[in-house]
PDB file of N, CA and C in Angstrom:
ATOM      1  N   MET A   1     -93.127 119.083  -5.648  1.00  0.00           N
ATOM      2  CA  MET A   1     -92.405 117.874  -5.269  1.00  0.00           C
ATOM      3  C   MET A   1     -90.940 118.241  -5.025  1.00  0.00           C
ATOM      4  N   ARG A   2     -90.448 117.799  -3.942  1.00  0.00           N
ATOM      5  CA  ARG A   2     -89.049 118.072  -3.624  1.00  0.00           C
ATOM      6  C   ARG A   2     -88.183 116.930  -4.137  1.00  0.00           C
ATOM      7  N   TYR A   3     -86.987 117.273  -4.539  1.00  0.00           N
ATOM      8  CA  TYR A   3     -85.998 116.284  -4.969  1.00  0.00           C
ATOM      9  C   TYR A   3     -84.706 116.497  -4.193  1.00  0.00           C
ATOM     10  N   MET A   4     -84.112 115.415  -3.793  1.00  0.00           N
ATOM     11  CA  MET A   4     -82.790 115.508  -3.170  1.00  0.00           C
ATOM     12  C   MET A   4     -81.771 115.212  -4.252  1.00  0.00           C
ATOM     13  N   MET A   5     -80.904 116.123  -4.474  1.00  0.00           N
ATOM     14  CA  MET A   5     -79.856 115.936  -5.471  1.00  0.00           C
ATOM     15  C   MET A   5     -78.620 115.402  -4.749  1.00  0.00           C
ATOM     16  N   LEU A   6     -78.382 114.100  -4.897  1.00  0.00           N
ATOM     17  CA  LEU A   6     -77.238 113.482  -4.233  1.00  0.00           C
ATOM     18  C   LEU A   6     -76.018 113.634  -5.130  1.00  0.00           C
ATOM     19  N   ILE A   7     -75.015 114.243  -4.614  1.00  0.00           N
ATOM     20  CA  ILE A   7     -73.824 114.554  -5.405  1.00  0.00           C
ATOM     21  C   ILE A   7     -72.752 113.513  -5.103  1.00  0.00           C
ATOM     22  N   TYR A   8     -72.445 112.694  -6.098  1.00  0.00           N
ATOM     23  CA  TYR A   8     -71.398 111.682  -5.961  1.00  0.00           C
ATOM     24  C   TYR A   8     -70.161 112.156  -6.706  1.00  0.00           C
ATOM     25  N   SER A   9     -69.030 112.056  -6.057  1.00  0.00           N
ATOM     26  CA  SER A   9     -67.771 112.442  -6.692  1.00  0.00           C
ATOM     27  C   SER A   9     -66.643 111.651  -6.061  1.00  0.00           C
ATOM     28  N   ASP A  10     -65.471 111.783  -6.626  1.00  0.00           N
ATOM     29  CA  ASP A  10     -64.285 111.073  -6.137  1.00  0.00           C
ATOM     30  C   ASP A  10     -63.651 111.912  -5.035  1.00  0.00           C
ATOM     31  N   GLU A  11     -63.875 111.546  -3.769  1.00  0.00           N
ATOM     32  CA  GLU A  11     -63.366 112.370  -2.682  1.00  0.00           C
ATOM     33  C   GLU A  11     -61.849 112.342  -2.581  1.00  0.00           C
ATOM     34  N   VAL A  12     -61.197 111.298  -3.096  1.00  0.00           N
ATOM     35  CA  VAL A  12     -59.729 111.271  -3.116  1.00  0.00           C
ATOM     36  C   VAL A  12     -59.219 112.329  -4.083  1.00  0.00           C
ATOM     37  N   ALA A  13     -59.836 112.388  -5.263  1.00  0.00           N
ATOM     38  CA  ALA A  13     -59.439 113.398  -6.244  1.00  0.00           C
ATOM     39  C   ALA A  13     -59.692 114.808  -5.695  1.00  0.00           C
ATOM     40  N   GLU A  14     -60.824 114.992  -5.015  1.00  0.00           N
ATOM     41  CA  GLU A  14     -61.117 116.302  -4.434  1.00  0.00           C
ATOM     42  C   GLU A  14     -60.105 116.676  -3.357  1.00  0.00           C
ATOM     43  N   ALA A  15     -59.701 115.706  -2.564  1.00  0.00           N
ATOM     44  CA  ALA A  15     -58.721 115.962  -1.505  1.00  0.00           C
ATOM     45  C   ALA A  15     -57.366 116.359  -2.091  1.00  0.00           C
ATOM     46  N   ASN A  16     -57.097 115.925  -3.323  1.00  0.00           N
ATOM     47  CA  ASN A  16     -55.827 116.236  -3.974  1.00  0.00           C
ATOM     48  C   ASN A  16     -55.864 117.535  -4.780  1.00  0.00           C
ATOM     49  N   GLN A  17     -57.017 118.231  -4.772  1.00  0.00           N
ATOM     50  CA  GLN A  17     -57.108 119.505  -5.483  1.00  0.00           C
ATOM     51  C   GLN A  17     -56.282 120.563  -4.757  1.00  0.00           C
ATOM     52  N   SER A  18     -55.762 121.483  -5.541  1.00  0.00           N
ATOM     53  CA  SER A  18     -55.090 122.630  -4.932  1.00  0.00           C
ATOM     54  C   SER A  18     -56.148 123.528  -4.291  1.00  0.00           C
ATOM     55  N   GLN A  19     -55.712 124.423  -3.425  1.00  0.00           N
ATOM     56  CA  GLN A  19     -56.649 125.358  -2.797  1.00  0.00           C
ATOM     57  C   GLN A  19     -57.351 126.210  -3.849  1.00  0.00           C
ATOM     58  N   GLU A  20     -56.630 126.591  -4.903  1.00  0.00           N
ATOM     59  CA  GLU A  20     -57.224 127.396  -5.968  1.00  0.00           C
ATOM     60  C   GLU A  20     -58.303 126.613  -6.710  1.00  0.00           C
ATOM     61  N   GLU A  21     -58.016 125.339  -7.011  1.00  0.00           N
ATOM     62  CA  GLU A  21     -59.019 124.503  -7.686  1.00  0.00           C
ATOM     63  C   GLU A  21     -60.251 124.322  -6.807  1.00  0.00           C
ATOM     64  N   ARG A  22     -60.035 124.036  -5.532  1.00  0.00           N
ATOM     65  CA  ARG A  22     -61.156 123.837  -4.595  1.00  0.00           C
ATOM     66  C   ARG A  22     -61.978 125.121  -4.488  1.00  0.00           C
ATOM     67  N   SER A  23     -61.322 126.265  -4.395  1.00  0.00           N
ATOM     68  CA  SER A  23     -62.029 127.544  -4.308  1.00  0.00           C
ATOM     69  C   SER A  23     -62.869 127.809  -5.550  1.00  0.00           C
ATOM     70  N   ALA A  24     -62.322 127.481  -6.716  1.00  0.00           N
ATOM     71  CA  ALA A  24     -63.062 127.690  -7.970  1.00  0.00           C
ATOM     72  C   ALA A  24     -64.309 126.800  -8.012  1.00  0.00           C
ATOM     73  N   VAL A  25     -64.178 125.558  -7.584  1.00  0.00           N
ATOM     74  CA  VAL A  25     -65.325 124.644  -7.559  1.00  0.00           C
ATOM     75  C   VAL A  25     -66.369 125.148  -6.570  1.00  0.00           C
ATOM     76  N   MET A  26     -65.929 125.550  -5.372  1.00  0.00           N
ATOM     77  CA  MET A  26     -66.873 126.023  -4.364  1.00  0.00           C
ATOM     78  C   MET A  26     -67.598 127.287  -4.837  1.00  0.00           C
ATOM     79  N   GLU A  27     -66.896 128.152  -5.563  1.00  0.00           N
ATOM     80  CA  GLU A  27     -67.540 129.351  -6.101  1.00  0.00           C
ATOM     81  C   GLU A  27     -68.678 128.974  -7.051  1.00  0.00           C
ATOM     82  N   ARG A  28     -68.469 127.922  -7.844  1.00  0.00           N
ATOM     83  CA  ARG A  28     -69.537 127.450  -8.747  1.00  0.00           C
ATOM     84  C   ARG A  28     -70.722 126.915  -7.954  1.00  0.00           C
ATOM     85  N   TYR A  29     -70.449 126.219  -6.842  1.00  0.00           N
ATOM     86  CA  TYR A  29     -71.542 125.760  -5.979  1.00  0.00           C
ATOM     87  C   TYR A  29     -72.305 126.949  -5.388  1.00  0.00           C
ATOM     88  N   PHE A  30     -71.568 127.974  -4.924  1.00  0.00           N
ATOM     89  CA  PHE A  30     -72.219 129.142  -4.347  1.00  0.00           C
ATOM     90  C   PHE A  30     -73.080 129.854  -5.392  1.00  0.00           C
ATOM     91  N   THR A  31     -72.586 129.935  -6.623  1.00  0.00           N
ATOM     92  CA  THR A  31     -73.350 130.557  -7.704  1.00  0.00           C
ATOM     93  C   THR A  31     -74.634 129.772  -7.982  1.00  0.00           C
ATOM     94  N   PHE A  32     -74.511 128.450  -8.061  1.00  0.00           N
ATOM     95  CA  PHE A  32     -75.684 127.600  -8.267  1.00  0.00           C
ATOM     96  C   PHE A  32     -76.685 127.781  -7.126  1.00  0.00           C
ATOM     97  N   THR A  33     -76.193 127.769  -5.895  1.00  0.00           N
ATOM     98  CA  THR A  33     -77.061 127.914  -4.731  1.00  0.00           C
ATOM     99  C   THR A  33     -77.790 129.252  -4.761  1.00  0.00           C
ATOM    100  N   ASP A  34     -77.075 130.321  -5.118  1.00  0.00           N
ATOM    101  CA  ASP A  34     -77.717 131.633  -5.244  1.00  0.00           C
ATOM    102  C   ASP A  34     -78.828 131.591  -6.287  1.00  0.00           C
ATOM    103  N   GLU A  35     -78.571 130.933  -7.414  1.00  0.00           N
ATOM    104  CA  GLU A  35     -79.577 130.863  -8.477  1.00  0.00           C
ATOM    105  C   GLU A  35     -80.832 130.129  -8.012  1.00  0.00           C
ATOM    106  N   VAL A  36     -80.666 128.948  -7.411  1.00  0.00           N
ATOM    107  CA  VAL A  36     -81.855 128.188  -7.009  1.00  0.00           C
ATOM    108  C   VAL A  36     -82.611 128.889  -5.876  1.00  0.00           C
ATOM    109  N   ARG A  37     -81.895 129.646  -5.043  1.00  0.00           N
ATOM    110  CA  ARG A  37     -82.587 130.448  -4.015  1.00  0.00           C
ATOM    111  C   ARG A  37     -83.405 131.554  -4.665  1.00  0.00           C
ATOM    112  N   GLN A  38     -82.785 132.259  -5.622  1.00  0.00           N
ATOM    113  CA  GLN A  38     -83.480 133.356  -6.307  1.00  0.00           C
ATOM    114  C   GLN A  38     -84.698 132.855  -7.078  1.00  0.00           C
ATOM    115  N   ARG A  39     -84.623 131.646  -7.601  1.00  0.00           N
ATOM    116  CA  ARG A  39     -85.743 131.074  -8.362  1.00  0.00           C
ATOM    117  C   ARG A  39     -86.784 130.429  -7.465  1.00  0.00           C
ATOM    118  N   GLY A  40     -86.531 130.407  -6.171  1.00  0.00           N
ATOM    119  CA  GLY A  40     -87.511 129.913  -5.219  1.00  0.00           C
ATOM    120  C   GLY A  40     -87.649 128.405  -5.142  1.00  0.00           C
ATOM    121  N   VAL A  41     -86.645 127.662  -5.592  1.00  0.00           N
ATOM    122  CA  VAL A  41     -86.739 126.196  -5.552  1.00  0.00           C
ATOM    123  C   VAL A  41     -85.835 125.572  -4.496  1.00  0.00           C
ATOM    124  N   PHE A  42     -85.008 126.373  -3.857  1.00  0.00           N
ATOM    125  CA  PHE A  42     -84.075 125.860  -2.851  1.00  0.00           C
ATOM    126  C   PHE A  42     -84.818 125.526  -1.570  1.00  0.00           C
ATOM    127  N   ASN A  43     -84.576 124.309  -1.044  1.00  0.00           N
ATOM    128  CA  ASN A  43     -85.138 123.906   0.236  1.00  0.00           C
ATOM    129  C   ASN A  43     -84.043 123.696   1.253  1.00  0.00           C
ATOM    130  N   SER A  44     -83.040 122.911   0.914  1.00  0.00           N
ATOM    131  CA  SER A  44     -81.955 122.598   1.828  1.00  0.00           C
ATOM    132  C   SER A  44     -80.795 122.032   1.042  1.00  0.00           C
ATOM    133  N   GLY A  45     -79.597 122.242   1.528  1.00  0.00           N
ATOM    134  CA  GLY A  45     -78.422 121.657   0.891  1.00  0.00           C
ATOM    135  C   GLY A  45     -77.236 121.718   1.822  1.00  0.00           C
ATOM    136  N   ASP A  46     -76.523 120.629   1.916  1.00  0.00           N
ATOM    137  CA  ASP A  46     -75.341 120.556   2.761  1.00  0.00           C
ATOM    138  C   ASP A  46     -74.323 119.612   2.154  1.00  0.00           C
ATOM    139  N   GLU A  47     -73.050 119.906   2.388  1.00  0.00           N
ATOM    140  CA  GLU A  47     -71.974 118.991   2.018  1.00  0.00           C
ATOM    141  C   GLU A  47     -71.794 118.006   3.163  1.00  0.00           C
ATOM    142  N   LEU A  48     -71.650 116.737   2.832  1.00  0.00           N
ATOM    143  CA  LEU A  48     -71.417 115.721   3.850  1.00  0.00           C
ATOM    144  C   LEU A  48     -69.938 115.599   4.163  1.00  0.00           C
ATOM    145  N   GLN A  49     -69.639 115.225   5.379  1.00  0.00           N
ATOM    146  CA  GLN A  49     -68.256 114.932   5.724  1.00  0.00           C
ATOM    147  C   GLN A  49     -67.828 113.682   4.958  1.00  0.00           C
ATOM    148  N   PRO A  50     -66.530 113.398   4.847  1.00  0.00           N
ATOM    149  CA  PRO A  50     -66.043 112.269   4.046  1.00  0.00           C
ATOM    150  C   PRO A  50     -66.648 110.925   4.481  1.00  0.00           C
ATOM    151  N   THR A  51     -66.656 109.982   3.562  1.00  0.00           N
ATOM    152  CA  THR A  51     -67.234 108.668   3.838  1.00  0.00           C
ATOM    153  C   THR A  51     -66.569 107.975   5.014  1.00  0.00           C
ATOM    154  N   ALA A  52     -65.342 108.334   5.342  1.00  0.00           N
ATOM    155  CA  ALA A  52     -64.668 107.744   6.500  1.00  0.00           C
ATOM    156  C   ALA A  52     -65.399 108.065   7.800  1.00  0.00           C
ATOM    157  N   THR A  53     -66.260 109.094   7.806  1.00  0.00           N
ATOM    158  CA  THR A  53     -67.019 109.457   9.006  1.00  0.00           C
ATOM    159  C   THR A  53     -68.358 108.734   9.084  1.00  0.00           C
ATOM    160  N   ALA A  54     -68.684 107.952   8.065  1.00  0.00           N
ATOM    161  CA  ALA A  54     -69.992 107.282   8.005  1.00  0.00           C
ATOM    162  C   ALA A  54     -70.083 106.124   8.992  1.00  0.00           C
ATOM    163  N   THR A  55     -71.309 105.858   9.397  1.00  0.00           N
ATOM    164  CA  THR A  55     -71.620 104.684  10.211  1.00  0.00           C
ATOM    165  C   THR A  55     -72.801 103.997   9.547  1.00  0.00           C
ATOM    166  N   THR A  56     -72.718 102.695   9.335  1.00  0.00           N
ATOM    167  CA  THR A  56     -73.795 101.922   8.738  1.00  0.00           C
ATOM    168  C   THR A  56     -74.419 101.054   9.816  1.00  0.00           C
ATOM    169  N   VAL A  57     -75.753 101.045   9.884  1.00  0.00           N
ATOM    170  CA  VAL A  57     -76.471 100.293  10.908  1.00  0.00           C
ATOM    171  C   VAL A  57     -77.325  99.225  10.243  1.00  0.00           C
ATOM    172  N   ARG A  58     -77.226  98.016  10.758  1.00  0.00           N
ATOM    173  CA  ARG A  58     -78.091  96.916  10.333  1.00  0.00           C
ATOM    174  C   ARG A  58     -78.728  96.311  11.576  1.00  0.00           C
ATOM    175  N   VAL A  59     -79.979  95.855  11.435  1.00  0.00           N
ATOM    176  CA  VAL A  59     -80.641  95.135  12.509  1.00  0.00           C
ATOM    177  C   VAL A  59     -81.008  93.764  11.956  1.00  0.00           C
ATOM    178  N   ARG A  60     -80.454  92.718  12.557  1.00  0.00           N
ATOM    179  CA  ARG A  60     -80.739  91.343  12.137  1.00  0.00           C
ATOM    180  C   ARG A  60     -81.135  90.565  13.379  1.00  0.00           C
ATOM    181  N   ASP A  61     -82.296  89.935  13.314  1.00  0.00           N
ATOM    182  CA  ASP A  61     -82.794  89.159  14.452  1.00  0.00           C
ATOM    183  C   ASP A  61     -82.795  89.992  15.734  1.00  0.00           C
ATOM    184  N   GLY A  62     -83.162  91.269  15.622  1.00  0.00           N
ATOM    185  CA  GLY A  62     -83.241  92.147  16.779  1.00  0.00           C
ATOM    186  C   GLY A  62     -81.917  92.687  17.270  1.00  0.00           C
ATOM    187  N   ARG A  63     -80.813  92.326  16.627  1.00  0.00           N
ATOM    188  CA  ARG A  63     -79.478  92.759  17.056  1.00  0.00           C
ATOM    189  C   ARG A  63     -79.007  93.926  16.191  1.00  0.00           C
ATOM    190  N   VAL A  64     -78.675  95.043  16.856  1.00  0.00           N
ATOM    191  CA  VAL A  64     -78.191  96.236  16.167  1.00  0.00           C
ATOM    192  C   VAL A  64     -76.689  96.101  15.965  1.00  0.00           C
ATOM    193  N   THR A  65     -76.244  96.260  14.716  1.00  0.00           N
ATOM    194  CA  THR A  65     -74.811  96.142  14.422  1.00  0.00           C
ATOM    195  C   THR A  65     -74.336  97.370  13.642  1.00  0.00           C
ATOM    196  N   PRO A  66     -73.870  98.400  14.352  1.00  0.00           N
ATOM    197  CA  PRO A  66     -73.286  99.546  13.653  1.00  0.00           C
ATOM    198  C   PRO A  66     -71.867  99.215  13.190  1.00  0.00           C
ATOM    199  N   GLN A  67     -71.504  99.716  12.013  1.00  0.00           N
ATOM    200  CA  GLN A  67     -70.157  99.520  11.476  1.00  0.00           C
ATOM    201  C   GLN A  67     -69.626 100.857  11.016  1.00  0.00           C
ATOM    202  N   ASP A  68     -68.342 101.099  11.248  1.00  0.00           N
ATOM    203  CA  ASP A  68     -67.720 102.303  10.719  1.00  0.00           C
ATOM    204  C   ASP A  68     -67.665 102.180   9.208  1.00  0.00           C
ATOM    205  N   GLY A  69     -67.984 103.258   8.535  1.00  0.00           N
ATOM    206  CA  GLY A  69     -67.864 103.290   7.086  1.00  0.00           C
ATOM    207  C   GLY A  69     -69.174 103.063   6.365  1.00  0.00           C
ATOM    208  N   PRO A  70     -69.155 103.357   5.083  1.00  0.00           N
ATOM    209  CA  PRO A  70     -70.344 103.221   4.239  1.00  0.00           C
ATOM    210  C   PRO A  70     -70.421 101.821   3.623  1.00  0.00           C
ATOM    211  N   TYR A  71     -70.700 100.823   4.445  1.00  0.00           N
ATOM    212  CA  TYR A  71     -70.665  99.448   3.971  1.00  0.00           C
ATOM    213  C   TYR A  71     -71.999  98.972   3.425  1.00  0.00           C
ATOM    214  N   VAL A  72     -72.605  99.749   2.574  1.00  0.00           N
ATOM    215  CA  VAL A  72     -73.845  99.347   1.940  1.00  0.00           C
ATOM    216  C   VAL A  72     -73.486  98.544   0.691  1.00  0.00           C
ATOM    217  N   GLU A  73     -74.066  97.373   0.571  1.00  0.00           N
ATOM    218  CA  GLU A  73     -73.754  96.511  -0.571  1.00  0.00           C
ATOM    219  C   GLU A  73     -74.287  97.145  -1.844  1.00  0.00           C
ATOM    220  N   THR A  74     -73.645  96.824  -2.981  1.00  0.00           N
ATOM    221  CA  THR A  74     -74.029  97.443  -4.238  1.00  0.00           C
ATOM    222  C   THR A  74     -75.436  97.078  -4.672  1.00  0.00           C
ATOM    223  N   LYS A  75     -75.987  95.994  -4.158  1.00  0.00           N
ATOM    224  CA  LYS A  75     -77.355  95.632  -4.517  1.00  0.00           C
ATOM    225  C   LYS A  75     -78.381  96.533  -3.826  1.00  0.00           C
ATOM    226  N   GLU A  76     -77.932  97.357  -2.873  1.00  0.00           N
ATOM    227  CA  GLU A  76     -78.821  98.274  -2.172  1.00  0.00           C
ATOM    228  C   GLU A  76     -78.673  99.671  -2.759  1.00  0.00           C
ATOM    229  N   GLN A  77     -79.781 100.332  -3.025  1.00  0.00           N
ATOM    230  CA  GLN A  77     -79.758 101.684  -3.564  1.00  0.00           C
ATOM    231  C   GLN A  77     -80.379 102.646  -2.566  1.00  0.00           C
ATOM    232  N   LEU A  78     -79.945 103.886  -2.625  1.00  0.00           N
ATOM    233  CA  LEU A  78     -80.492 104.929  -1.776  1.00  0.00           C
ATOM    234  C   LEU A  78     -81.950 105.164  -2.153  1.00  0.00           C
ATOM    235  N   GLY A  79     -82.827 105.071  -1.184  1.00  0.00           N
ATOM    236  CA  GLY A  79     -84.247 105.231  -1.466  1.00  0.00           C
ATOM    237  C   GLY A  79     -84.892 106.384  -0.716  1.00  0.00           C
ATOM    238  N   GLY A  80     -84.214 107.014   0.189  1.00  0.00           N
ATOM    239  CA  GLY A  80     -84.775 108.122   0.941  1.00  0.00           C
ATOM    240  C   GLY A  80     -83.825 108.551   2.034  1.00  0.00           C
ATOM    241  N   TYR A  81     -84.253 109.534   2.826  1.00  0.00           N
ATOM    242  CA  TYR A  81     -83.377 110.026   3.887  1.00  0.00           C
ATOM    243  C   TYR A  81     -84.178 110.668   5.005  1.00  0.00           C
ATOM    244  N   TYR A  82     -83.607 110.749   6.135  1.00  0.00           N
ATOM    245  CA  TYR A  82     -84.075 111.547   7.258  1.00  0.00           C
ATOM    246  C   TYR A  82     -82.913 112.441   7.675  1.00  0.00           C
ATOM    247  N   ILE A  83     -83.222 113.640   8.134  1.00  0.00           N
ATOM    248  CA  ILE A  83     -82.226 114.481   8.791  1.00  0.00           C
ATOM    249  C   ILE A  83     -82.681 114.613  10.238  1.00  0.00           C
ATOM    250  N   LEU A  84     -81.910 114.117  11.134  1.00  0.00           N
ATOM    251  CA  LEU A  84     -82.233 114.140  12.561  1.00  0.00           C
ATOM    252  C   LEU A  84     -81.175 114.926  13.314  1.00  0.00           C
ATOM    253  N   ASP A  85     -81.579 115.711  14.303  1.00  0.00           N
ATOM    254  CA  ASP A  85     -80.662 116.496  15.121  1.00  0.00           C
ATOM    255  C   ASP A  85     -80.383 115.704  16.393  1.00  0.00           C
ATOM    256  N   CYS A  86     -79.332 114.895  16.385  1.00  0.00           N
ATOM    257  CA  CYS A  86     -78.996 114.002  17.499  1.00  0.00           C
ATOM    258  C   CYS A  86     -77.891 114.598  18.367  1.00  0.00           C
ATOM    259  N   ALA A  87     -77.899 114.228  19.623  1.00  0.00           N
ATOM    260  CA  ALA A  87     -76.891 114.718  20.562  1.00  0.00           C
ATOM    261  C   ALA A  87     -75.514 114.163  20.248  1.00  0.00           C
ATOM    262  N   ASN A  88     -75.460 112.921  19.737  1.00  0.00           N
ATOM    263  CA  ASN A  88     -74.174 112.282  19.454  1.00  0.00           C
ATOM    264  C   ASN A  88     -74.402 111.069  18.563  1.00  0.00           C
ATOM    265  N   LEU A  89     -73.317 110.395  18.183  1.00  0.00           N
ATOM    266  CA  LEU A  89     -73.409 109.255  17.276  1.00  0.00           C
ATOM    267  C   LEU A  89     -74.209 108.113  17.892  1.00  0.00           C
ATOM    268  N   ASP A  90     -74.084 107.888  19.197  1.00  0.00           N
ATOM    269  CA  ASP A  90     -74.839 106.814  19.835  1.00  0.00           C
ATOM    270  C   ASP A  90     -76.348 107.032  19.693  1.00  0.00           C
ATOM    271  N   GLU A  91     -76.789 108.262  19.886  1.00  0.00           N
ATOM    272  CA  GLU A  91     -78.210 108.553  19.719  1.00  0.00           C
ATOM    273  C   GLU A  91     -78.629 108.384  18.262  1.00  0.00           C
ATOM    274  N   ALA A  92     -77.767 108.789  17.331  1.00  0.00           N
ATOM    275  CA  ALA A  92     -78.063 108.617  15.907  1.00  0.00           C
ATOM    276  C   ALA A  92     -78.204 107.134  15.559  1.00  0.00           C
ATOM    277  N   ILE A  93     -77.340 106.292  16.108  1.00  0.00           N
ATOM    278  CA  ILE A  93     -77.419 104.850  15.868  1.00  0.00           C
ATOM    279  C   ILE A  93     -78.731 104.300  16.439  1.00  0.00           C
ATOM    280  N   GLU A  94     -79.122 104.785  17.616  1.00  0.00           N
ATOM    281  CA  GLU A  94     -80.375 104.341  18.233  1.00  0.00           C
ATOM    282  C   GLU A  94     -81.566 104.636  17.310  1.00  0.00           C
ATOM    283  N   PHE A  95     -81.614 105.848  16.766  1.00  0.00           N
ATOM    284  CA  PHE A  95     -82.701 106.194  15.855  1.00  0.00           C
ATOM    285  C   PHE A  95     -82.610 105.397  14.554  1.00  0.00           C
ATOM    286  N   ALA A  96     -81.398 105.260  14.000  1.00  0.00           N
ATOM    287  CA  ALA A  96     -81.229 104.541  12.737  1.00  0.00           C
ATOM    288  C   ALA A  96     -81.716 103.103  12.849  1.00  0.00           C
ATOM    289  N   ALA A  97     -81.515 102.497  13.997  1.00  0.00           N
ATOM    290  CA  ALA A  97     -81.945 101.110  14.204  1.00  0.00           C
ATOM    291  C   ALA A  97     -83.458 100.972  14.194  1.00  0.00           C
ATOM    292  N   LYS A  98     -84.181 102.079  14.401  1.00  0.00           N
ATOM    293  CA  LYS A  98     -85.646 102.052  14.417  1.00  0.00           C
ATOM    294  C   LYS A  98     -86.260 102.269  13.041  1.00  0.00           C
ATOM    295  N   ILE A  99     -85.446 102.651  12.081  1.00  0.00           N
ATOM    296  CA  ILE A  99     -85.949 102.848  10.720  1.00  0.00           C
ATOM    297  C   ILE A  99     -86.182 101.465  10.119  1.00  0.00           C
ATOM    298  N   PRO A 100     -87.377 101.196   9.587  1.00  0.00           N
ATOM    299  CA  PRO A 100     -87.700  99.839   9.120  1.00  0.00           C
ATOM    300  C   PRO A 100     -86.690  99.225   8.155  1.00  0.00           C
ATOM    301  N   ALA A 101     -86.129  99.982   7.261  1.00  0.00           N
ATOM    302  CA  ALA A 101     -85.190  99.430   6.281  1.00  0.00           C
ATOM    303  C   ALA A 101     -83.930  98.869   6.922  1.00  0.00           C
ATOM    304  N   ALA A 102     -83.633  99.225   8.177  1.00  0.00           N
ATOM    305  CA  ALA A 102     -82.458  98.667   8.857  1.00  0.00           C
ATOM    306  C   ALA A 102     -82.580  97.158   8.993  1.00  0.00           C
ATOM    307  N   GLU A 103     -83.805  96.637   8.947  1.00  0.00           N
ATOM    308  CA  GLU A 103     -84.036  95.199   9.118  1.00  0.00           C
ATOM    309  C   GLU A 103     -83.823  94.398   7.842  1.00  0.00           C
ATOM    310  N   TYR A 104     -83.839  95.038   6.697  1.00  0.00           N
ATOM    311  CA  TYR A 104     -83.659  94.313   5.433  1.00  0.00           C
ATOM    312  C   TYR A 104     -82.671  94.995   4.502  1.00  0.00           C
ATOM    313  N   GLY A 105     -82.189  96.160   4.881  1.00  0.00           N
ATOM    314  CA  GLY A 105     -81.207  96.901   4.103  1.00  0.00           C
ATOM    315  C   GLY A 105     -80.159  97.456   5.037  1.00  0.00           C
ATOM    316  N   ALA A 106     -79.823  98.728   4.881  1.00  0.00           N
ATOM    317  CA  ALA A 106     -78.842  99.378   5.747  1.00  0.00           C
ATOM    318  C   ALA A 106     -79.154 100.860   5.837  1.00  0.00           C
ATOM    319  N   ILE A 107     -78.829 101.452   6.962  1.00  0.00           N
ATOM    320  CA  ILE A 107     -78.958 102.888   7.161  1.00  0.00           C
ATOM    321  C   ILE A 107     -77.547 103.441   7.337  1.00  0.00           C
ATOM    322  N   GLU A 108     -77.155 104.370   6.448  1.00  0.00           N
ATOM    323  CA  GLU A 108     -75.851 105.002   6.557  1.00  0.00           C
ATOM    324  C   GLU A 108     -76.015 106.334   7.277  1.00  0.00           C
ATOM    325  N   ILE A 109     -75.249 106.536   8.322  1.00  0.00           N
ATOM    326  CA  ILE A 109     -75.279 107.783   9.084  1.00  0.00           C
ATOM    327  C   ILE A 109     -74.070 108.611   8.667  1.00  0.00           C
ATOM    328  N   ARG A 110     -74.322 109.859   8.211  1.00  0.00           N
ATOM    329  CA  ARG A 110     -73.236 110.756   7.813  1.00  0.00           C
ATOM    330  C   ARG A 110     -73.392 112.087   8.517  1.00  0.00           C
ATOM    331  N   PRO A 111     -72.380 112.512   9.254  1.00  0.00           N
ATOM    332  CA  PRO A 111     -72.434 113.862   9.827  1.00  0.00           C
ATOM    333  C   PRO A 111     -72.460 114.908   8.702  1.00  0.00           C
ATOM    334  N   ILE A 112     -73.188 115.967   8.920  1.00  0.00           N
ATOM    335  CA  ILE A 112     -73.260 117.053   7.936  1.00  0.00           C
ATOM    336  C   ILE A 112     -72.146 118.044   8.223  1.00  0.00           C
ATOM    337  N   MET A 113     -71.447 118.448   7.190  1.00  0.00           N
ATOM    338  CA  MET A 113     -70.330 119.394   7.313  1.00  0.00           C
ATOM    339  C   MET A 113     -70.821 120.713   7.905  1.00  0.00           C
ATOM    340  N   GLU A 114     -70.142 121.197   8.911  1.00  0.00           N
ATOM    341  CA  GLU A 114     -70.492 122.466   9.556  1.00  0.00           C
ATOM    342  C   GLU A 114     -69.490 123.538   9.107  1.00  0.00           C
ATOM    343  N   TYR A 115     -70.005 124.697   8.680  1.00  0.00           N
ATOM    344  CA  TYR A 115     -69.161 125.818   8.266  1.00  0.00           C
ATOM    345  C   TYR A 115     -69.449 127.023   9.138  1.00  0.00           C
ATOM    346  N   GLU A 116     -68.427 127.787   9.424  1.00  0.00           N
ATOM    347  CA  GLU A 116     -68.626 129.049  10.138  1.00  0.00           C
ATOM    348  C   GLU A 116     -68.978 130.119   9.117  1.00  0.00           C
ATOM    349  N   ASN A 117     -69.923 130.987   9.492  1.00  0.00           N
ATOM    350  CA  ASN A 117     -70.345 132.056   8.552  1.00  0.00           C
ATOM    351  C   ASN A 117     -69.508 133.274   8.717  1.00  0.00           C
TER     352      ASN A 117
END
C-alpha cells in the first residue's frame, strides 16, 4: 500500500530561514530520501511551489470557477491526488474540472518544484 506523506509547514518561517538553515534542513531531507530509497519503499516525492502558485477549481451548476490560491474551506480535507503532466495551467484547470469532487468540494492545483541536477 502506498502512502502520500503530505508535509505541512509554515512557508513564511521557511522563507525567513538563512541559507545555512535551509541547507541543513534540505540535507536532512536528502538523507531521509536516501534511506527510503535504500529500503525500497520510495515511490515518488517532490516539493511543491509556494501556496501563492496554487489554483483552486470548483464546478457549480456546470460552471467552472478557478481561483488563484489555496481557497479550500477548512471543512474540506485532502482525500487523494492525481499527478498530471499538463502543457499549461489552462489545461490543468480543464482536467481539474473533470474530477468528480470539483462538483462538491475543491481541486487545488499546485505546480511541482523543478530542480536542476
